[in-house]
Structure formats: structure tokens, C-alpha cells
PDB file of N, CA and C in Angstrom:
ATOM      1  N   MET A   1     -18.024 -21.166 -36.485  1.00  0.00           N
ATOM      2  CA  MET A   1     -18.587 -19.916 -36.070  1.00  0.00           C
ATOM      3  C   MET A   1     -17.941 -19.442 -34.763  1.00  0.00           C
ATOM      4  N   ARG A   2     -17.694 -20.354 -33.842  1.00  0.00           N
ATOM      5  CA  ARG A   2     -17.061 -19.968 -32.582  1.00  0.00           C
ATOM      6  C   ARG A   2     -15.682 -19.358 -32.832  1.00  0.00           C
ATOM      7  N   SER A   3     -14.914 -19.962 -33.739  1.00  0.00           N
ATOM      8  CA  SER A   3     -13.580 -19.427 -34.059  1.00  0.00           C
ATOM      9  C   SER A   3     -13.673 -18.017 -34.619  1.00  0.00           C
ATOM     10  N   LEU A   4     -14.638 -17.779 -35.475  1.00  0.00           N
ATOM     11  CA  LEU A   4     -14.848 -16.448 -36.032  1.00  0.00           C
ATOM     12  C   LEU A   4     -15.089 -15.435 -34.925  1.00  0.00           C
ATOM     13  N   VAL A   5     -15.953 -15.784 -34.007  1.00  0.00           N
ATOM     14  CA  VAL A   5     -16.282 -14.881 -32.897  1.00  0.00           C
ATOM     15  C   VAL A   5     -15.047 -14.623 -32.040  1.00  0.00           C
ATOM     16  N   LEU A   6     -14.328 -15.661 -31.670  1.00  0.00           N
ATOM     17  CA  LEU A   6     -13.152 -15.500 -30.824  1.00  0.00           C
ATOM     18  C   LEU A   6     -12.052 -14.699 -31.522  1.00  0.00           C
ATOM     19  N   ASP A   7     -11.882 -14.915 -32.815  1.00  0.00           N
ATOM     20  CA  ASP A   7     -10.822 -14.230 -33.554  1.00  0.00           C
ATOM     21  C   ASP A   7     -11.107 -12.752 -33.792  1.00  0.00           C
ATOM     22  N   THR A   8     -12.361 -12.362 -33.784  1.00  0.00           N
ATOM     23  CA  THR A   8     -12.703 -10.975 -34.091  1.00  0.00           C
ATOM     24  C   THR A   8     -13.217 -10.190 -32.885  1.00  0.00           C
ATOM     25  N   ALA A   9     -13.273 -10.805 -31.727  1.00  0.00           N
ATOM     26  CA  ALA A   9     -13.794 -10.130 -30.534  1.00  0.00           C
ATOM     27  C   ALA A   9     -12.879  -8.985 -30.105  1.00  0.00           C
ATOM     28  N   PRO A  10     -13.465  -7.856 -29.688  1.00  0.00           N
ATOM     29  CA  PRO A  10     -12.638  -6.764 -29.162  1.00  0.00           C
ATOM     30  C   PRO A  10     -12.066  -7.156 -27.803  1.00  0.00           C
ATOM     31  N   ARG A  11     -10.977  -6.490 -27.416  1.00  0.00           N
ATOM     32  CA  ARG A  11     -10.381  -6.732 -26.094  1.00  0.00           C
ATOM     33  C   ARG A  11     -11.084  -5.874 -25.050  1.00  0.00           C
ATOM     34  N   LEU A  12     -11.282  -6.434 -23.883  1.00  0.00           N
ATOM     35  CA  LEU A  12     -11.958  -5.757 -22.789  1.00  0.00           C
ATOM     36  C   LEU A  12     -10.933  -5.197 -21.811  1.00  0.00           C
ATOM     37  N   PHE A  13     -11.170  -3.960 -21.366  1.00  0.00           N
ATOM     38  CA  PHE A  13     -10.283  -3.365 -20.371  1.00  0.00           C
ATOM     39  C   PHE A  13     -11.097  -2.521 -19.391  1.00  0.00           C
ATOM     40  N   ALA A  14     -10.497  -2.290 -18.236  1.00  0.00           N
ATOM     41  CA  ALA A  14     -11.076  -1.405 -17.229  1.00  0.00           C
ATOM     42  C   ALA A  14     -10.214  -0.156 -17.137  1.00  0.00           C
ATOM     43  N   VAL A  15     -10.853   0.962 -16.862  1.00  0.00           N
ATOM     44  CA  VAL A  15     -10.137   2.185 -16.518  1.00  0.00           C
ATOM     45  C   VAL A  15     -10.264   2.315 -15.005  1.00  0.00           C
ATOM     46  N   VAL A  16      -9.138   2.224 -14.318  1.00  0.00           N
ATOM     47  CA  VAL A  16      -9.124   2.250 -12.858  1.00  0.00           C
ATOM     48  C   VAL A  16      -8.581   3.593 -12.382  1.00  0.00           C
ATOM     49  N   GLN A  17      -9.344   4.262 -11.531  1.00  0.00           N
ATOM     50  CA  GLN A  17      -8.896   5.520 -10.935  1.00  0.00           C
ATOM     51  C   GLN A  17      -8.256   5.231  -9.588  1.00  0.00           C
ATOM     52  N   GLU A  18      -7.087   5.825  -9.358  1.00  0.00           N
ATOM     53  CA  GLU A  18      -6.421   5.772  -8.060  1.00  0.00           C
ATOM     54  C   GLU A  18      -6.451   7.173  -7.470  1.00  0.00           C
ATOM     55  N   PHE A  19      -6.692   7.251  -6.169  1.00  0.00           N
ATOM     56  CA  PHE A  19      -6.791   8.565  -5.540  1.00  0.00           C
ATOM     57  C   PHE A  19      -6.297   8.493  -4.097  1.00  0.00           C
ATOM     58  N   ALA A  20      -5.888   9.652  -3.586  1.00  0.00           N
ATOM     59  CA  ALA A  20      -5.366   9.751  -2.225  1.00  0.00           C
ATOM     60  C   ALA A  20      -6.517   9.873  -1.231  1.00  0.00           C
ATOM     61  N   LEU A  21      -6.348   9.203  -0.095  1.00  0.00           N
ATOM     62  CA  LEU A  21      -7.308   9.328   1.011  1.00  0.00           C
ATOM     63  C   LEU A  21      -6.767  10.338   2.009  1.00  0.00           C
ATOM     64  N   ASP A  22      -7.618  10.824   2.898  1.00  0.00           N
ATOM     65  CA  ASP A  22      -7.213  11.821   3.886  1.00  0.00           C
ATOM     66  C   ASP A  22      -6.104  11.335   4.805  1.00  0.00           C
ATOM     67  N   ASP A  23      -6.032  10.014   5.041  1.00  0.00           N
ATOM     68  CA  ASP A  23      -5.026   9.481   5.965  1.00  0.00           C
ATOM     69  C   ASP A  23      -3.691   9.175   5.276  1.00  0.00           C
ATOM     70  N   GLY A  24      -3.551   9.576   4.010  1.00  0.00           N
ATOM     71  CA  GLY A  24      -2.300   9.367   3.296  1.00  0.00           C
ATOM     72  C   GLY A  24      -2.257   8.093   2.467  1.00  0.00           C
ATOM     73  N   TRP A  25      -3.167   7.187   2.683  1.00  0.00           N
ATOM     74  CA  TRP A  25      -3.236   5.965   1.888  1.00  0.00           C
ATOM     75  C   TRP A  25      -3.839   6.283   0.529  1.00  0.00           C
ATOM     76  N   ARG A  26      -3.738   5.332  -0.377  1.00  0.00           N
ATOM     77  CA  ARG A  26      -4.366   5.477  -1.700  1.00  0.00           C
ATOM     78  C   ARG A  26      -5.417   4.385  -1.865  1.00  0.00           C
ATOM     79  N   ASP A  27      -6.446   4.686  -2.624  1.00  0.00           N
ATOM     80  CA  ASP A  27      -7.495   3.725  -2.910  1.00  0.00           C
ATOM     81  C   ASP A  27      -7.727   3.733  -4.418  1.00  0.00           C
ATOM     82  N   ALA A  28      -8.527   2.802  -4.884  1.00  0.00           N
ATOM     83  CA  ALA A  28      -8.801   2.708  -6.318  1.00  0.00           C
ATOM     84  C   ALA A  28     -10.219   2.209  -6.537  1.00  0.00           C
ATOM     85  N   GLU A  29     -10.748   2.526  -7.719  1.00  0.00           N
ATOM     86  CA  GLU A  29     -12.056   2.030  -8.122  1.00  0.00           C
ATOM     87  C   GLU A  29     -12.100   1.925  -9.635  1.00  0.00           C
ATOM     88  N   VAL A  30     -12.902   0.999 -10.120  1.00  0.00           N
ATOM     89  CA  VAL A  30     -13.113   0.899 -11.559  1.00  0.00           C
ATOM     90  C   VAL A  30     -14.046   2.042 -11.952  1.00  0.00           C
ATOM     91  N   ALA A  31     -13.577   2.901 -12.839  1.00  0.00           N
ATOM     92  CA  ALA A  31     -14.350   4.067 -13.266  1.00  0.00           C
ATOM     93  C   ALA A  31     -15.095   3.805 -14.566  1.00  0.00           C
ATOM     94  N   ALA A  32     -14.542   2.912 -15.406  1.00  0.00           N
ATOM     95  CA  ALA A  32     -15.154   2.681 -16.717  1.00  0.00           C
ATOM     96  C   ALA A  32     -14.709   1.336 -17.275  1.00  0.00           C
ATOM     97  N   TRP A  33     -15.469   0.865 -18.265  1.00  0.00           N
ATOM     98  CA  TRP A  33     -15.135  -0.344 -19.022  1.00  0.00           C
ATOM     99  C   TRP A  33     -14.980   0.046 -20.474  1.00  0.00           C
ATOM    100  N   GLY A  34     -14.057  -0.619 -21.154  1.00  0.00           N
ATOM    101  CA  GLY A  34     -13.832  -0.298 -22.554  1.00  0.00           C
ATOM    102  C   GLY A  34     -13.664  -1.524 -23.421  1.00  0.00           C
ATOM    103  N   LEU A  35     -13.932  -1.324 -24.707  1.00  0.00           N
ATOM    104  CA  LEU A  35     -13.716  -2.337 -25.733  1.00  0.00           C
ATOM    105  C   LEU A  35     -12.717  -1.760 -26.730  1.00  0.00           C
ATOM    106  N   ALA A  36     -11.638  -2.491 -26.982  1.00  0.00           N
ATOM    107  CA  ALA A  36     -10.616  -2.059 -27.936  1.00  0.00           C
ATOM    108  C   ALA A  36     -10.707  -2.923 -29.187  1.00  0.00           C
ATOM    109  N   TYR A  37     -10.763  -2.270 -30.332  1.00  0.00           N
ATOM    110  CA  TYR A  37     -10.913  -2.957 -31.611  1.00  0.00           C
ATOM    111  C   TYR A  37      -9.560  -3.091 -32.312  1.00  0.00           C
ATOM    112  N   GLU A  38      -9.507  -3.955 -33.315  1.00  0.00           N
ATOM    113  CA  GLU A  38      -8.263  -4.232 -34.038  1.00  0.00           C
ATOM    114  C   GLU A  38      -7.606  -2.994 -34.615  1.00  0.00           C
ATOM    115  N   ASP A  39      -8.397  -2.025 -35.042  1.00  0.00           N
ATOM    116  CA  ASP A  39      -7.831  -0.822 -35.657  1.00  0.00           C
ATOM    117  C   ASP A  39      -7.337   0.194 -34.635  1.00  0.00           C
ATOM    118  N   GLY A  40      -7.422  -0.133 -33.335  1.00  0.00           N
ATOM    119  CA  GLY A  40      -6.935   0.749 -32.278  1.00  0.00           C
ATOM    120  C   GLY A  40      -8.000   1.596 -31.621  1.00  0.00           C
ATOM    121  N   ARG A  41      -9.146   1.760 -32.265  1.00  0.00           N
ATOM    122  CA  ARG A  41     -10.229   2.553 -31.686  1.00  0.00           C
ATOM    123  C   ARG A  41     -10.780   1.865 -30.445  1.00  0.00           C
ATOM    124  N   VAL A  42     -11.395   2.652 -29.571  1.00  0.00           N
ATOM    125  CA  VAL A  42     -12.032   2.097 -28.375  1.00  0.00           C
ATOM    126  C   VAL A  42     -13.375   2.767 -28.130  1.00  0.00           C
ATOM    127  N   ASP A  43     -14.263   2.034 -27.494  1.00  0.00           N
ATOM    128  CA  ASP A  43     -15.500   2.568 -26.945  1.00  0.00           C
ATOM    129  C   ASP A  43     -15.422   2.366 -25.443  1.00  0.00           C
ATOM    130  N   VAL A  44     -15.757   3.421 -24.712  1.00  0.00           N
ATOM    131  CA  VAL A  44     -15.630   3.403 -23.254  1.00  0.00           C
ATOM    132  C   VAL A  44     -16.930   3.919 -22.649  1.00  0.00           C
ATOM    133  N   ILE A  45     -17.369   3.281 -21.554  1.00  0.00           N
ATOM    134  CA  ILE A  45     -18.551   3.746 -20.821  1.00  0.00           C
ATOM    135  C   ILE A  45     -18.234   3.726 -19.331  1.00  0.00           C
ATOM    136  N   SER A  46     -18.575   4.820 -18.659  1.00  0.00           N
ATOM    137  CA  SER A  46     -18.350   4.887 -17.214  1.00  0.00           C
ATOM    138  C   SER A  46     -19.242   3.872 -16.506  1.00  0.00           C
ATOM    139  N   VAL A  47     -18.820   3.423 -15.325  1.00  0.00           N
ATOM    140  CA  VAL A  47     -19.597   2.389 -14.629  1.00  0.00           C
ATOM    141  C   VAL A  47     -20.993   2.874 -14.251  1.00  0.00           C
ATOM    142  N   ASP A  48     -21.156   4.179 -14.067  1.00  0.00           N
ATOM    143  CA  ASP A  48     -22.496   4.678 -13.745  1.00  0.00           C
ATOM    144  C   ASP A  48     -23.321   4.984 -14.993  1.00  0.00           C
ATOM    145  N   GLY A  49     -22.729   4.789 -16.182  1.00  0.00           N
ATOM    146  CA  GLY A  49     -23.458   4.964 -17.424  1.00  0.00           C
ATOM    147  C   GLY A  49     -23.660   6.399 -17.867  1.00  0.00           C
ATOM    148  N   THR A  50     -23.070   7.355 -17.169  1.00  0.00           N
ATOM    149  CA  THR A  50     -23.307   8.758 -17.512  1.00  0.00           C
ATOM    150  C   THR A  50     -22.355   9.305 -18.568  1.00  0.00           C
ATOM    151  N   ARG A  51     -21.238   8.627 -18.814  1.00  0.00           N
ATOM    152  CA  ARG A  51     -20.273   9.104 -19.807  1.00  0.00           C
ATOM    153  C   ARG A  51     -19.934   7.984 -20.782  1.00  0.00           C
ATOM    154  N   ARG A  52     -19.956   8.328 -22.066  1.00  0.00           N
ATOM    155  CA  ARG A  52     -19.594   7.388 -23.130  1.00  0.00           C
ATOM    156  C   ARG A  52     -18.631   8.095 -24.071  1.00  0.00           C
ATOM    157  N   PHE A  53     -17.609   7.350 -24.493  1.00  0.00           N
ATOM    158  CA  PHE A  53     -16.613   7.917 -25.392  1.00  0.00           C
ATOM    159  C   PHE A  53     -16.302   6.936 -26.515  1.00  0.00           C
ATOM    160  N   SER A  54     -16.080   7.461 -27.703  1.00  0.00           N
ATOM    161  CA  SER A  54     -15.463   6.726 -28.800  1.00  0.00           C
ATOM    162  C   SER A  54     -14.145   7.447 -29.040  1.00  0.00           C
ATOM    163  N   LEU A  55     -13.044   6.747 -28.834  1.00  0.00           N
ATOM    164  CA  LEU A  55     -11.724   7.377 -28.820  1.00  0.00           C
ATOM    165  C   LEU A  55     -10.765   6.685 -29.775  1.00  0.00           C
ATOM    166  N   PRO A  56      -9.704   7.383 -30.192  1.00  0.00           N
ATOM    167  CA  PRO A  56      -8.749   6.785 -31.131  1.00  0.00           C
ATOM    168  C   PRO A  56      -7.800   5.770 -30.503  1.00  0.00           C
ATOM    169  N   SER A  57      -7.693   5.767 -29.159  1.00  0.00           N
ATOM    170  CA  SER A  57      -6.786   4.818 -28.496  1.00  0.00           C
ATOM    171  C   SER A  57      -7.224   4.609 -27.052  1.00  0.00           C
ATOM    172  N   PRO A  58      -6.834   3.472 -26.458  1.00  0.00           N
ATOM    173  CA  PRO A  58      -7.183   3.228 -25.056  1.00  0.00           C
ATOM    174  C   PRO A  58      -6.567   4.262 -24.110  1.00  0.00           C
ATOM    175  N   GLU A  59      -5.367   4.723 -24.428  1.00  0.00           N
ATOM    176  CA  GLU A  59      -4.676   5.678 -23.559  1.00  0.00           C
ATOM    177  C   GLU A  59      -5.450   6.991 -23.416  1.00  0.00           C
ATOM    178  N   ARG A  60      -6.203   7.363 -24.431  1.00  0.00           N
ATOM    179  CA  ARG A  60      -7.016   8.578 -24.334  1.00  0.00           C
ATOM    180  C   ARG A  60      -8.076   8.450 -23.244  1.00  0.00           C
ATOM    181  N   ALA A  61      -8.522   7.241 -22.965  1.00  0.00           N
ATOM    182  CA  ALA A  61      -9.520   7.038 -21.912  1.00  0.00           C
ATOM    183  C   ALA A  61      -8.951   7.436 -20.553  1.00  0.00           C
ATOM    184  N   THR A  62      -7.671   7.167 -20.331  1.00  0.00           N
ATOM    185  CA  THR A  62      -7.082   7.529 -19.035  1.00  0.00           C
ATOM    186  C   THR A  62      -7.114   9.036 -18.830  1.00  0.00           C
ATOM    187  N   TRP A  63      -6.922   9.799 -19.893  1.00  0.00           N
ATOM    188  CA  TRP A  63      -6.958  11.258 -19.777  1.00  0.00           C
ATOM    189  C   TRP A  63      -8.321  11.725 -19.280  1.00  0.00           C
ATOM    190  N   HIS A  64      -9.392  11.142 -19.796  1.00  0.00           N
ATOM    191  CA  HIS A  64     -10.743  11.553 -19.412  1.00  0.00           C
ATOM    192  C   HIS A  64     -11.066  11.223 -17.955  1.00  0.00           C
ATOM    193  N   PHE A  65     -10.399  10.236 -17.393  1.00  0.00           N
ATOM    194  CA  PHE A  65     -10.717   9.814 -16.019  1.00  0.00           C
ATOM    195  C   PHE A  65      -9.649  10.214 -15.011  1.00  0.00           C
ATOM    196  N   ALA A  66      -8.693  11.045 -15.420  1.00  0.00           N
ATOM    197  CA  ALA A  66      -7.641  11.498 -14.501  1.00  0.00           C
ATOM    198  C   ALA A  66      -7.556  13.015 -14.481  1.00  0.00           C
ATOM    199  N   ARG A  67      -8.672  13.673 -14.652  1.00  0.00           N
ATOM    200  CA  ARG A  67      -8.674  15.131 -14.765  1.00  0.00           C
ATOM    201  C   ARG A  67      -8.877  15.851 -13.439  1.00  0.00           C
ATOM    202  N   MET A  68      -9.021  15.113 -12.337  1.00  0.00           N
ATOM    203  CA  MET A  68      -9.189  15.743 -11.027  1.00  0.00           C
ATOM    204  C   MET A  68      -7.854  15.711 -10.285  1.00  0.00           C
ATOM    205  N   ASP A  69      -7.646  16.678  -9.389  1.00  0.00           N
ATOM    206  CA  ASP A  69      -6.416  16.714  -8.596  1.00  0.00           C
ATOM    207  C   ASP A  69      -6.250  15.447  -7.784  1.00  0.00           C
ATOM    208  N   GLY A  70      -5.064  14.885  -7.799  1.00  0.00           N
ATOM    209  CA  GLY A  70      -4.759  13.709  -6.991  1.00  0.00           C
ATOM    210  C   GLY A  70      -5.268  12.402  -7.548  1.00  0.00           C
ATOM    211  N   VAL A  71      -5.862  12.424  -8.734  1.00  0.00           N
ATOM    212  CA  VAL A  71      -6.406  11.203  -9.334  1.00  0.00           C
ATOM    213  C   VAL A  71      -5.529  10.795 -10.519  1.00  0.00           C
ATOM    214  N   THR A  72      -5.155   9.537 -10.543  1.00  0.00           N
ATOM    215  CA  THR A  72      -4.491   8.974 -11.712  1.00  0.00           C
ATOM    216  C   THR A  72      -5.392   7.887 -12.263  1.00  0.00           C
ATOM    217  N   ALA A  73      -5.244   7.600 -13.534  1.00  0.00           N
ATOM    218  CA  ALA A  73      -6.053   6.553 -14.160  1.00  0.00           C
ATOM    219  C   ALA A  73      -5.124   5.591 -14.881  1.00  0.00           C
ATOM    220  N   ARG A  74      -5.451   4.319 -14.791  1.00  0.00           N
ATOM    221  CA  ARG A  74      -4.664   3.270 -15.436  1.00  0.00           C
ATOM    222  C   ARG A  74      -5.579   2.320 -16.185  1.00  0.00           C
ATOM    223  N   LEU A  75      -5.016   1.693 -17.206  1.00  0.00           N
ATOM    224  CA  LEU A  75      -5.734   0.654 -17.933  1.00  0.00           C
ATOM    225  C   LEU A  75      -5.385  -0.702 -17.340  1.00  0.00           C
ATOM    226  N   VAL A  76      -6.384  -1.533 -17.155  1.00  0.00           N
ATOM    227  CA  VAL A  76      -6.181  -2.917 -16.722  1.00  0.00           C
ATOM    228  C   VAL A  76      -6.861  -3.794 -17.770  1.00  0.00           C
ATOM    229  N   TRP A  77      -6.046  -4.587 -18.466  1.00  0.00           N
ATOM    230  CA  TRP A  77      -6.546  -5.429 -19.552  1.00  0.00           C
ATOM    231  C   TRP A  77      -6.988  -6.773 -19.016  1.00  0.00           C
ATOM    232  N   LEU A  78      -8.142  -7.244 -19.446  1.00  0.00           N
ATOM    233  CA  LEU A  78      -8.608  -8.579 -19.088  1.00  0.00           C
ATOM    234  C   LEU A  78      -8.056  -9.570 -20.103  1.00  0.00           C
ATOM    235  N   THR A  79      -7.744 -10.751 -19.651  1.00  0.00           N
ATOM    236  CA  THR A  79      -7.231 -11.798 -20.525  1.00  0.00           C
ATOM    237  C   THR A  79      -8.325 -12.233 -21.483  1.00  0.00           C
ATOM    238  N   PRO A  80      -8.010 -12.274 -22.789  1.00  0.00           N
ATOM    239  CA  PRO A  80      -9.034 -12.710 -23.742  1.00  0.00           C
ATOM    240  C   PRO A  80      -9.482 -14.147 -23.463  1.00  0.00           C
ATOM    241  N   SER A  81     -10.759 -14.360 -23.591  1.00  0.00           N
ATOM    242  CA  SER A  81     -11.313 -15.699 -23.400  1.00  0.00           C
ATOM    243  C   SER A  81     -11.017 -16.552 -24.624  1.00  0.00           C
ATOM    244  N   ARG A  82     -10.869 -17.829 -24.437  1.00  0.00           N
ATOM    245  CA  ARG A  82     -10.713 -18.759 -25.551  1.00  0.00           C
ATOM    246  C   ARG A  82     -11.912 -19.698 -25.628  1.00  0.00           C
ATOM    247  N   ALA A  83     -13.030 -19.276 -25.036  1.00  0.00           N
ATOM    248  CA  ALA A  83     -14.237 -20.098 -25.065  1.00  0.00           C
ATOM    249  C   ALA A  83     -15.393 -19.259 -25.597  1.00  0.00           C
ATOM    250  N   ALA A  84     -16.277 -19.919 -26.295  1.00  0.00           N
ATOM    251  CA  ALA A  84     -17.491 -19.266 -26.786  1.00  0.00           C
ATOM    252  C   ALA A  84     -18.613 -20.298 -26.785  1.00  0.00           C
ATOM    253  N   THR A  85     -19.774 -19.886 -26.354  1.00  0.00           N
ATOM    254  CA  THR A  85     -20.922 -20.791 -26.338  1.00  0.00           C
ATOM    255  C   THR A  85     -22.099 -20.127 -27.031  1.00  0.00           C
ATOM    256  N   PHE A  86     -22.974 -20.932 -27.555  1.00  0.00           N
ATOM    257  CA  PHE A  86     -24.193 -20.419 -28.163  1.00  0.00           C
ATOM    258  C   PHE A  86     -25.213 -20.151 -27.073  1.00  0.00           C
ATOM    259  N   ASP A  87     -26.082 -19.177 -27.303  1.00  0.00           N
ATOM    260  CA  ASP A  87     -27.213 -18.944 -26.434  1.00  0.00           C
ATOM    261  C   ASP A  87     -28.085 -20.190 -26.459  1.00  0.00           C
ATOM    262  N   ALA A  88     -28.699 -20.548 -25.357  1.00  0.00           N
ATOM    263  CA  ALA A  88     -29.512 -21.770 -25.278  1.00  0.00           C
ATOM    264  C   ALA A  88     -30.577 -21.822 -26.388  1.00  0.00           C
ATOM    265  N   ALA A  89     -31.178 -20.704 -26.716  1.00  0.00           N
ATOM    266  CA  ALA A  89     -32.202 -20.663 -27.755  1.00  0.00           C
ATOM    267  C   ALA A  89     -31.599 -20.968 -29.122  1.00  0.00           C
ATOM    268  N   GLU A  90     -30.352 -20.556 -29.366  1.00  0.00           N
ATOM    269  CA  GLU A  90     -29.681 -20.784 -30.634  1.00  0.00           C
ATOM    270  C   GLU A  90     -29.205 -22.209 -30.792  1.00  0.00           C
ATOM    271  N   ALA A  91     -28.845 -22.852 -29.692  1.00  0.00           N
ATOM    272  CA  ALA A  91     -28.272 -24.185 -29.741  1.00  0.00           C
ATOM    273  C   ALA A  91     -29.319 -25.255 -30.066  1.00  0.00           C
ATOM    274  N   ALA A  92     -30.564 -24.967 -29.757  1.00  0.00           N
ATOM    275  CA  ALA A  92     -31.624 -25.956 -29.963  1.00  0.00           C
ATOM    276  C   ALA A  92     -31.963 -26.166 -31.407  1.00  0.00           C
TER     277      ALA A  92
END
């Protein structure tokens, strides 16, 4: 069962916004989290929970979070886990 879960789990990514500060430096923040499925589709939710998207590709998420002047958005992929555990209630 663990192998099934690991083999079919969606990939997790962050949408990171980069923006210019008044002093000329740049800063960044995680704007959203996404799940990418085998067929290429993604589900994305903003960190504040106010925006949710179902999109045809991860790259489309960057468009939604880079629509302000001076803001760019990038995808940062998390390394897939190779571990899975049962919930304590399930293991008993």
C-alpha cells in the first residue's frame, strides 16, 4: 500500500513571487502551493486561502501570480518523498 501511495502521489511545488523593494533590492515570498498530477494538470491555492485554481499546467500558475508591475513568479519544486507512514489510528 505504501508503494501505491508513493507511486501515485502528486508533486508539490511553491509559487514564489519576487518583487522590487524601494531601496533597489529584491525580496521574495511564497504566494501559493500547488499539486501537479501525472496528466499535467495542477491545483493551486494561495497561502492566504483566498484564491484557488485548477489549471492545465504548472506554468499557468506563474501567470496568475505575476500580474502586478515589478513582480515575477517562479515555480520551486519540492523533492518527492520516498517515505510513507500510516496514521496511528490505522496502524493499530
